[in-house]
C-alpha atoms as a PDB file:
ATOM      1  CA  UNK A   1     -38.796  -4.005   6.996  1.00  0.00           C
ATOM      2  CA  UNK A   2     -36.209  -1.214   6.812  1.00  0.00           C
ATOM      3  CA  UNK A   3     -34.764  -2.229  10.177  1.00  0.00           C
ATOM      4  CA  UNK A   4     -34.510  -5.822   8.893  1.00  0.00           C
ATOM      5  CA  UNK A   5     -32.548  -4.650   5.846  1.00  0.00           C
ATOM      6  CA  UNK A   6     -30.208  -2.552   7.959  1.00  0.00           C
ATOM      7  CA  UNK A   7     -29.694  -5.462  10.364  1.00  0.00           C
ATOM      8  CA  UNK A   8     -28.807  -7.742   7.416  1.00  0.00           C
ATOM      9  CA  UNK A   9     -26.350  -5.172   6.045  1.00  0.00           C
ATOM     10  CA  UNK A  10     -24.696  -4.740   9.438  1.00  0.00           C
ATOM     11  CA  UNK A  11     -24.467  -8.489  10.020  1.00  0.00           C
ATOM     12  CA  UNK A  12     -22.810  -9.007   6.640  1.00  0.00           C
ATOM     13  CA  UNK A  13     -20.320  -6.197   7.306  1.00  0.00           C
ATOM     14  CA  UNK A  14     -19.475  -7.495  10.783  1.00  0.00           C
ATOM     15  CA  UNK A  15     -18.888 -10.932   9.234  1.00  0.00           C
ATOM     16  CA  UNK A  16     -16.690  -9.365   6.509  1.00  0.00           C
ATOM     17  CA  UNK A  17     -19.145 -10.442   3.813  1.00  0.00           C
ATOM     18  CA  UNK A  18     -18.925  -7.319   1.706  1.00  0.00           C
ATOM     19  CA  UNK A  19     -17.271  -6.213  -1.491  1.00  0.00           C
ATOM     20  CA  UNK A  20     -16.499  -2.653  -2.538  1.00  0.00           C
ATOM     21  CA  UNK A  21     -16.566  -1.903  -6.255  1.00  0.00           C
ATOM     22  CA  UNK A  22     -13.751  -0.041  -7.956  1.00  0.00           C
ATOM     23  CA  UNK A  23     -16.227   2.755  -8.664  1.00  0.00           C
ATOM     24  CA  UNK A  24     -17.046   3.086  -4.956  1.00  0.00           C
ATOM     25  CA  UNK A  25     -13.349   3.184  -4.076  1.00  0.00           C
ATOM     26  CA  UNK A  26     -12.736   5.905  -6.670  1.00  0.00           C
ATOM     27  CA  UNK A  27     -15.661   7.978  -5.423  1.00  0.00           C
ATOM     28  CA  UNK A  28     -14.542   7.546  -1.814  1.00  0.00           C
ATOM     29  CA  UNK A  29     -11.044   8.664  -2.745  1.00  0.00           C
ATOM     30  CA  UNK A  30     -12.461  11.716  -4.566  1.00  0.00           C
ATOM     31  CA  UNK A  31     -14.250  12.699  -1.339  1.00  0.00           C
ATOM     32  CA  UNK A  32     -11.263  11.846   0.908  1.00  0.00           C
ATOM     33  CA  UNK A  33     -13.117   8.932   2.492  1.00  0.00           C
ATOM     34  CA  UNK A  34     -11.440   5.732   3.645  1.00  0.00           C
ATOM     35  CA  UNK A  35     -12.481   2.093   3.812  1.00  0.00           C
ATOM     36  CA  UNK A  36     -12.923   2.576   7.556  1.00  0.00           C
ATOM     37  CA  UNK A  37     -15.311   5.474   6.845  1.00  0.00           C
ATOM     38  CA  UNK A  38     -17.398   3.277   4.535  1.00  0.00           C
ATOM     39  CA  UNK A  39     -17.578   0.499   7.111  1.00  0.00           C
ATOM     40  CA  UNK A  40     -18.430   2.999   9.868  1.00  0.00           C
ATOM     41  CA  UNK A  41     -21.379   4.360   7.882  1.00  0.00           C
ATOM     42  CA  UNK A  42     -22.661   0.843   7.178  1.00  0.00           C
ATOM     43  CA  UNK A  43     -22.387  -0.166  10.836  1.00  0.00           C
ATOM     44  CA  UNK A  44     -23.687   3.016  12.454  1.00  0.00           C
ATOM     45  CA  UNK A  45     -25.695   4.896   9.835  1.00  0.00           C
ATOM     46  CA  UNK A  46     -29.412   4.923   9.110  1.00  0.00           C
ATOM     47  CA  UNK A  47     -31.223   3.514   6.113  1.00  0.00           C
ATOM     48  CA  UNK A  48     -31.983   6.672   4.150  1.00  0.00           C
ATOM     49  CA  UNK A  49     -33.494   5.205   0.968  1.00  0.00           C
ATOM     50  CA  UNK A  50     -34.484   1.937  -0.625  1.00  0.00           C
ATOM     51  CA  UNK A  51     -34.707   1.627  -4.409  1.00  0.00           C
ATOM     52  CA  UNK A  52     -36.674  -1.524  -5.127  1.00  0.00           C
ATOM     53  CA  UNK A  53     -37.511  -1.021  -8.811  1.00  0.00           C
ATOM     54  CA  UNK A  54     -34.079  -1.957 -10.208  1.00  0.00           C
ATOM     55  CA  UNK A  55     -33.958  -5.110 -12.367  1.00  0.00           C
ATOM     56  CA  UNK A  56     -30.542  -5.937 -10.884  1.00  0.00           C
ATOM     57  CA  UNK A  57     -31.960  -5.987  -7.365  1.00  0.00           C
ATOM     58  CA  UNK A  58     -32.877  -3.539  -4.663  1.00  0.00           C
ATOM     59  CA  UNK A  59     -30.343  -0.868  -3.701  1.00  0.00           C
ATOM     60  CA  UNK A  60     -30.057   0.780  -0.309  1.00  0.00           C
ATOM     61  CA  UNK A  61     -28.557   4.125   0.689  1.00  0.00           C
ATOM     62  CA  UNK A  62     -27.162   4.121   4.214  1.00  0.00           C
ATOM     63  CA  UNK A  63     -26.416   7.608   5.556  1.00  0.00           C
ATOM     64  CA  UNK A  64     -23.994   8.444   8.320  1.00  0.00           C
ATOM     65  CA  UNK A  65     -21.767  11.212   9.595  1.00  0.00           C
ATOM     66  CA  UNK A  66     -18.027  11.264   8.951  1.00  0.00           C
ATOM     67  CA  UNK A  67     -16.298  14.222  10.550  1.00  0.00           C
ATOM     68  CA  UNK A  68     -18.684  17.070   9.723  1.00  0.00           C
ATOM     69  CA  UNK A  69     -20.054  15.529   6.525  1.00  0.00           C
ATOM     70  CA  UNK A  70     -23.107  13.439   5.791  1.00  0.00           C
ATOM     71  CA  UNK A  71     -22.035  10.441   3.710  1.00  0.00           C
ATOM     72  CA  UNK A  72     -24.183   8.033   1.709  1.00  0.00           C
ATOM     73  CA  UNK A  73     -23.056   4.488   1.028  1.00  0.00           C
ATOM     74  CA  UNK A  74     -25.171   2.825  -1.659  1.00  0.00           C
ATOM     75  CA  UNK A  75     -25.178  -0.955  -1.617  1.00  0.00           C
ATOM     76  CA  UNK A  76     -27.113  -4.033  -2.632  1.00  0.00           C
ATOM     77  CA  UNK A  77     -27.083  -7.684  -1.757  1.00  0.00           C
ATOM     78  CA  UNK A  78     -25.591 -10.102  -4.250  1.00  0.00           C
ATOM     79  CA  UNK A  79     -28.297 -12.160  -5.913  1.00  0.00           C
ATOM     80  CA  UNK A  80     -27.796 -15.062  -3.490  1.00  0.00           C
ATOM     81  CA  UNK A  81     -27.984 -12.657  -0.524  1.00  0.00           C
ATOM     82  CA  UNK A  82     -24.651 -13.793   0.907  1.00  0.00           C
ATOM     83  CA  UNK A  83     -22.650 -10.656   0.163  1.00  0.00           C
ATOM     84  CA  UNK A  84     -23.214  -6.894   0.384  1.00  0.00           C
ATOM     85  CA  UNK A  85     -21.831  -5.030  -2.605  1.00  0.00           C
ATOM     86  CA  UNK A  86     -20.994  -1.353  -2.098  1.00  0.00           C
ATOM     87  CA  UNK A  87     -21.846   0.361  -5.366  1.00  0.00           C
ATOM     88  CA  UNK A  88     -20.938   3.960  -4.646  1.00  0.00           C
ATOM     89  CA  UNK A  89     -20.040   6.339  -1.831  1.00  0.00           C
ATOM     90  CA  UNK A  90     -20.378  10.104  -1.697  1.00  0.00           C
ATOM     91  CA  UNK A  91     -20.543  13.134   0.551  1.00  0.00           C
ATOM     92  CA  UNK A  92     -24.067  14.539   0.497  1.00  0.00           C
ATOM     93  CA  UNK A  93     -24.136  18.132  -0.778  1.00  0.00           C
END
């Protein structure tokens, strides 16, 4: 199931069906991460966690390496499943 989720995320990103929240952009900027870094993690990272108990829908943390840092990109699918929404981004301490 996790590989199916990651495949869906990657397909949506490749098809440019994603949206990045203002919060995620602010957090990325705070950690000196770019939009390209976020996309790279989503396309090449691993599914680190799945949070399925959220009333708003399941959230997924995709982890990847940017330079010498581990970075998590937390996202969810829009309710209709057509769009990936990036909720937050951060360098893992």
